[in-house]
Amino acid sequence: MRKSLLFALTALAACSKPSAPAHLAAAAGPAVQLTSADDLEHWMTEAGFPFRTLEKGKRYTVPFDGKNVGSVLVVVERGAEVTTLMAKFFTLPEMPAPFLRALLNLNFKLAETKMVLTDAGDLFAAYDISNRLLDKKELLDGVQNVARVIDAYTPQLYSLAQKQAGGGQPAPTMPPPPQGAPVAPPMVKK
């Protein structure tokens, strides 16, 4: 069970949903609701995602090459009510106040994808989608959005974490990079 502290500003996030890249919208086609766990694999296969099955029908990983970071590994985890898309930024055992303020500011700016801190100091970007609302386009958009958030904000957050470590805090540790990943397309803003 994932224990986490979620800094979410969902009311504000709903106001600024980014539009999908044109090629992704075409690939997603018309909205098709999630009817079974097999749909996740089918949709990712159709999209050309080189996913790896960790637990059939429940947990998958999708690697992406980043522009700012070497690569990003997005985890797709289907629960009974919610499918969670997440990727790890890094681990920072101590979270000083300036770093937490930066996370809150980032959560304010982001639509849908939010920062999650675990009790162990792991920092993730996560996006939860209700299974009753999940369709192919939402899944594909969400996976790529989580990868783009990790790629776009890791340098800034890692730099801030290193500055905090210089003040006597433990230094952040990065997750190992996945190999052979597709490049996540750039985020398109409305």
Protein backbone atom coordinates (compact mmCIF):
# COMPACT_ATOMS: atom_id res chain seq x y z
CA MET A 1 0.00 0.00 0.00
CA ARG A 2 1.36 3.39 -0.99
CA LYS A 3 1.41 5.85 1.87
CA SER A 4 1.89 9.35 0.68
CA LEU A 5 1.25 12.97 1.38
CA LEU A 6 -0.44 14.48 -1.66
CA PHE A 7 -0.24 18.23 -2.11
CA ALA A 8 -3.15 18.67 -4.51
CA LEU A 9 -4.94 21.76 -5.62
CA THR A 10 -7.57 19.93 -7.62
CA ALA A 11 -10.01 22.82 -7.94
CA LEU A 12 -7.37 24.99 -9.61
CA ALA A 13 -5.97 22.10 -11.64
CA ALA A 14 -9.34 21.46 -13.25
CA CYS A 15 -9.27 24.97 -14.70
CA SER A 16 -6.10 24.55 -16.79
CA LYS A 17 -6.02 21.16 -18.50
CA PRO A 18 -3.32 21.10 -21.23
CA SER A 19 -4.40 20.08 -24.71
CA ALA A 20 -3.07 16.86 -26.22
CA PRO A 21 -0.52 16.87 -29.05
CA ALA A 22 -2.25 16.48 -32.43
CA HIS A 23 -0.57 13.17 -33.27
CA LEU A 24 -1.60 11.71 -29.91
CA ALA A 25 -5.21 12.81 -30.30
CA ALA A 26 -5.32 11.14 -33.71
CA ALA A 27 -3.74 7.95 -32.32
CA ALA A 28 -6.18 7.84 -29.42
CA GLY A 29 -9.23 8.03 -31.67
CA PRO A 30 -12.74 8.31 -30.22
CA ALA A 31 -13.21 7.81 -26.48
CA VAL A 32 -13.36 4.13 -25.57
CA GLN A 33 -14.15 3.36 -21.91
CA LEU A 34 -12.10 0.97 -19.84
CA THR A 35 -14.09 -2.26 -19.69
CA SER A 36 -11.40 -4.67 -18.47
CA ALA A 37 -7.81 -4.76 -17.31
CA ASP A 38 -6.84 -6.07 -20.77
CA ASP A 39 -7.83 -2.69 -22.23
CA LEU A 40 -4.76 -1.05 -20.67
CA GLU A 41 -2.39 -3.42 -22.50
CA HIS A 42 -4.36 -3.14 -25.72
CA TRP A 43 -4.33 0.68 -25.65
CA MET A 44 -0.60 0.90 -24.88
CA THR A 45 0.18 -1.63 -27.63
CA GLU A 46 -1.90 0.35 -30.17
CA ALA A 47 -0.08 3.55 -29.17
CA GLY A 48 3.31 1.89 -29.66
CA PHE A 49 4.36 2.23 -26.01
CA PRO A 50 7.11 -0.32 -25.24
CA PHE A 51 5.56 -1.22 -21.91
CA ARG A 52 6.66 -4.01 -19.61
CA THR A 53 4.13 -6.03 -17.64
CA LEU A 54 4.96 -6.32 -13.93
CA GLU A 55 1.62 -7.83 -12.93
CA LYS A 56 -0.86 -8.64 -15.71
CA GLY A 57 -3.92 -6.46 -15.58
CA LYS A 58 -2.56 -4.42 -12.68
CA ARG A 59 0.92 -2.95 -13.05
CA TYR A 60 3.04 -1.88 -16.04
CA THR A 61 6.08 0.30 -16.71
CA VAL A 62 6.49 2.57 -19.74
CA PRO A 63 9.97 4.05 -20.41
CA PHE A 64 10.55 7.41 -22.12
CA ASP A 65 13.78 9.19 -23.09
CA GLY A 66 13.84 12.69 -21.73
CA LYS A 67 15.40 15.87 -23.03
CA ASN A 68 16.50 17.18 -19.62
CA VAL A 69 16.98 13.87 -17.82
CA GLY A 70 18.32 10.64 -19.28
CA SER A 71 15.07 8.75 -19.14
CA VAL A 72 11.79 8.44 -17.27
CA LEU A 73 10.02 5.27 -16.17
CA VAL A 74 6.26 5.76 -15.81
CA VAL A 75 4.40 3.18 -13.73
CA VAL A 76 0.77 2.43 -14.65
CA GLU A 77 -1.00 0.82 -11.70
CA ARG A 78 -4.65 -0.23 -11.98
CA GLY A 79 -6.54 -0.47 -8.71
CA ALA A 80 -10.14 -1.45 -8.04
CA GLU A 81 -11.43 2.13 -8.38
CA VAL A 82 -8.49 4.22 -9.64
CA THR A 83 -5.64 3.85 -12.12
CA THR A 84 -2.51 5.69 -10.97
CA LEU A 85 0.20 6.89 -13.33
CA MET A 86 3.43 7.83 -11.56
CA ALA A 87 7.15 8.35 -12.01
CA LYS A 88 9.88 9.03 -9.48
CA PHE A 89 11.85 12.26 -9.37
CA PHE A 90 14.36 11.27 -6.66
CA THR A 91 14.68 10.48 -2.95
CA LEU A 92 15.37 13.19 -0.40
CA PRO A 93 15.07 11.95 3.19
CA GLU A 94 14.76 15.45 4.66
CA MET A 95 12.31 17.92 3.13
CA PRO A 96 13.21 21.44 4.32
CA ALA A 97 10.61 24.21 4.22
CA PRO A 98 12.00 26.02 1.10
CA PHE A 99 11.84 22.76 -0.85
CA LEU A 100 8.28 22.05 0.29
CA ARG A 101 7.26 25.60 -0.70
CA ALA A 102 8.73 24.99 -4.18
CA LEU A 103 6.65 21.79 -4.44
CA LEU A 104 3.48 23.62 -3.43
CA ASN A 105 4.16 26.30 -6.04
CA LEU A 106 4.74 23.63 -8.68
CA ASN A 107 1.50 21.84 -7.74
CA PHE A 108 -0.31 25.15 -8.19
CA LYS A 109 1.09 25.47 -11.74
CA LEU A 110 0.45 21.89 -12.85
CA ALA A 111 -2.82 20.57 -14.19
CA GLU A 112 -3.78 16.98 -13.29
CA THR A 113 -0.29 15.66 -12.44
CA LYS A 114 0.66 16.36 -8.83
CA MET A 115 3.68 15.94 -6.57
CA VAL A 116 3.57 13.06 -4.07
CA LEU A 117 5.92 12.58 -1.12
CA THR A 118 6.24 9.23 0.60
CA ASP A 119 7.22 8.73 4.23
CA ALA A 120 10.62 7.47 2.98
CA GLY A 121 11.33 10.77 1.20
CA ASP A 122 10.58 9.55 -2.34
CA LEU A 123 9.25 12.32 -4.58
CA PHE A 124 6.90 11.27 -7.39
CA ALA A 125 4.81 12.91 -10.07
CA ALA A 126 1.42 11.16 -9.99
CA TYR A 127 -1.87 11.32 -11.82
CA ASP A 128 -4.94 9.40 -10.59
CA ILE A 129 -7.78 8.58 -13.00
CA SER A 130 -11.07 7.07 -11.86
CA ASN A 131 -11.55 3.73 -13.66
CA ARG A 132 -15.14 4.67 -14.49
CA LEU A 133 -13.80 7.70 -16.43
CA LEU A 134 -10.67 6.11 -17.88
CA ASP A 135 -10.55 5.83 -21.64
CA LYS A 136 -7.76 5.31 -24.16
CA LYS A 137 -7.07 9.01 -24.73
CA GLU A 138 -7.00 9.78 -20.99
CA LEU A 139 -4.53 6.93 -20.39
CA LEU A 140 -2.19 7.92 -23.23
CA ASP A 141 -2.33 11.63 -22.39
CA GLY A 142 -1.74 10.89 -18.70
CA VAL A 143 1.26 8.60 -19.22
CA GLN A 144 2.94 11.13 -21.49
CA ASN A 145 2.07 14.04 -19.20
CA VAL A 146 3.68 12.34 -16.19
CA ALA A 147 6.84 11.68 -18.28
CA ARG A 148 6.94 15.33 -19.44
CA VAL A 149 6.52 16.65 -15.87
CA ILE A 150 9.43 14.51 -14.65
CA ASP A 151 11.59 15.57 -17.60
CA ALA A 152 10.71 19.26 -17.32
CA TYR A 153 10.98 19.75 -13.55
CA THR A 154 13.66 17.29 -12.39
CA PRO A 155 16.59 19.69 -13.07
CA GLN A 156 14.95 22.54 -11.13
CA LEU A 157 13.85 20.37 -8.18
CA TYR A 158 17.11 18.41 -8.05
CA SER A 159 19.12 21.65 -8.05
CA LEU A 160 17.01 23.04 -5.21
CA ALA A 161 17.37 19.77 -3.28
CA GLN A 162 21.17 19.87 -3.74
CA LYS A 163 21.28 23.45 -2.43
CA GLN A 164 19.32 22.31 0.63
CA ALA A 165 21.75 19.39 1.04
CA GLY A 166 24.57 21.94 1.18
CA GLY A 167 22.95 23.27 4.34
CA GLY A 168 23.46 20.00 6.19
CA GLN A 169 20.54 18.11 4.64
CA PRO A 170 21.07 14.64 3.05
CA ALA A 171 21.74 14.83 -0.70
CA PRO A 172 19.02 13.59 -3.10
CA THR A 173 19.43 10.27 -4.90
CA MET A 174 18.15 9.70 -8.43
CA PRO A 175 16.37 6.51 -9.57
CA PRO A 176 18.22 4.28 -12.08
CA PRO A 177 17.34 5.12 -15.69
CA PRO A 178 15.33 2.73 -17.87
CA GLN A 179 16.92 1.61 -21.14
CA GLY A 180 15.61 1.82 -24.72
CA ALA A 181 12.86 4.37 -24.23
CA PRO A 182 10.82 6.42 -26.72
CA VAL A 183 11.01 10.21 -26.53
CA ALA A 184 8.00 11.82 -24.87
CA PRO A 185 6.51 14.46 -27.20
CA PRO A 186 6.65 18.09 -26.00
CA MET A 187 3.75 19.38 -23.94
CA VAL A 188 1.33 21.55 -25.88
CA LYS A 189 -0.24 24.40 -23.91
CA LYS A 190 -3.67 25.86 -24.64
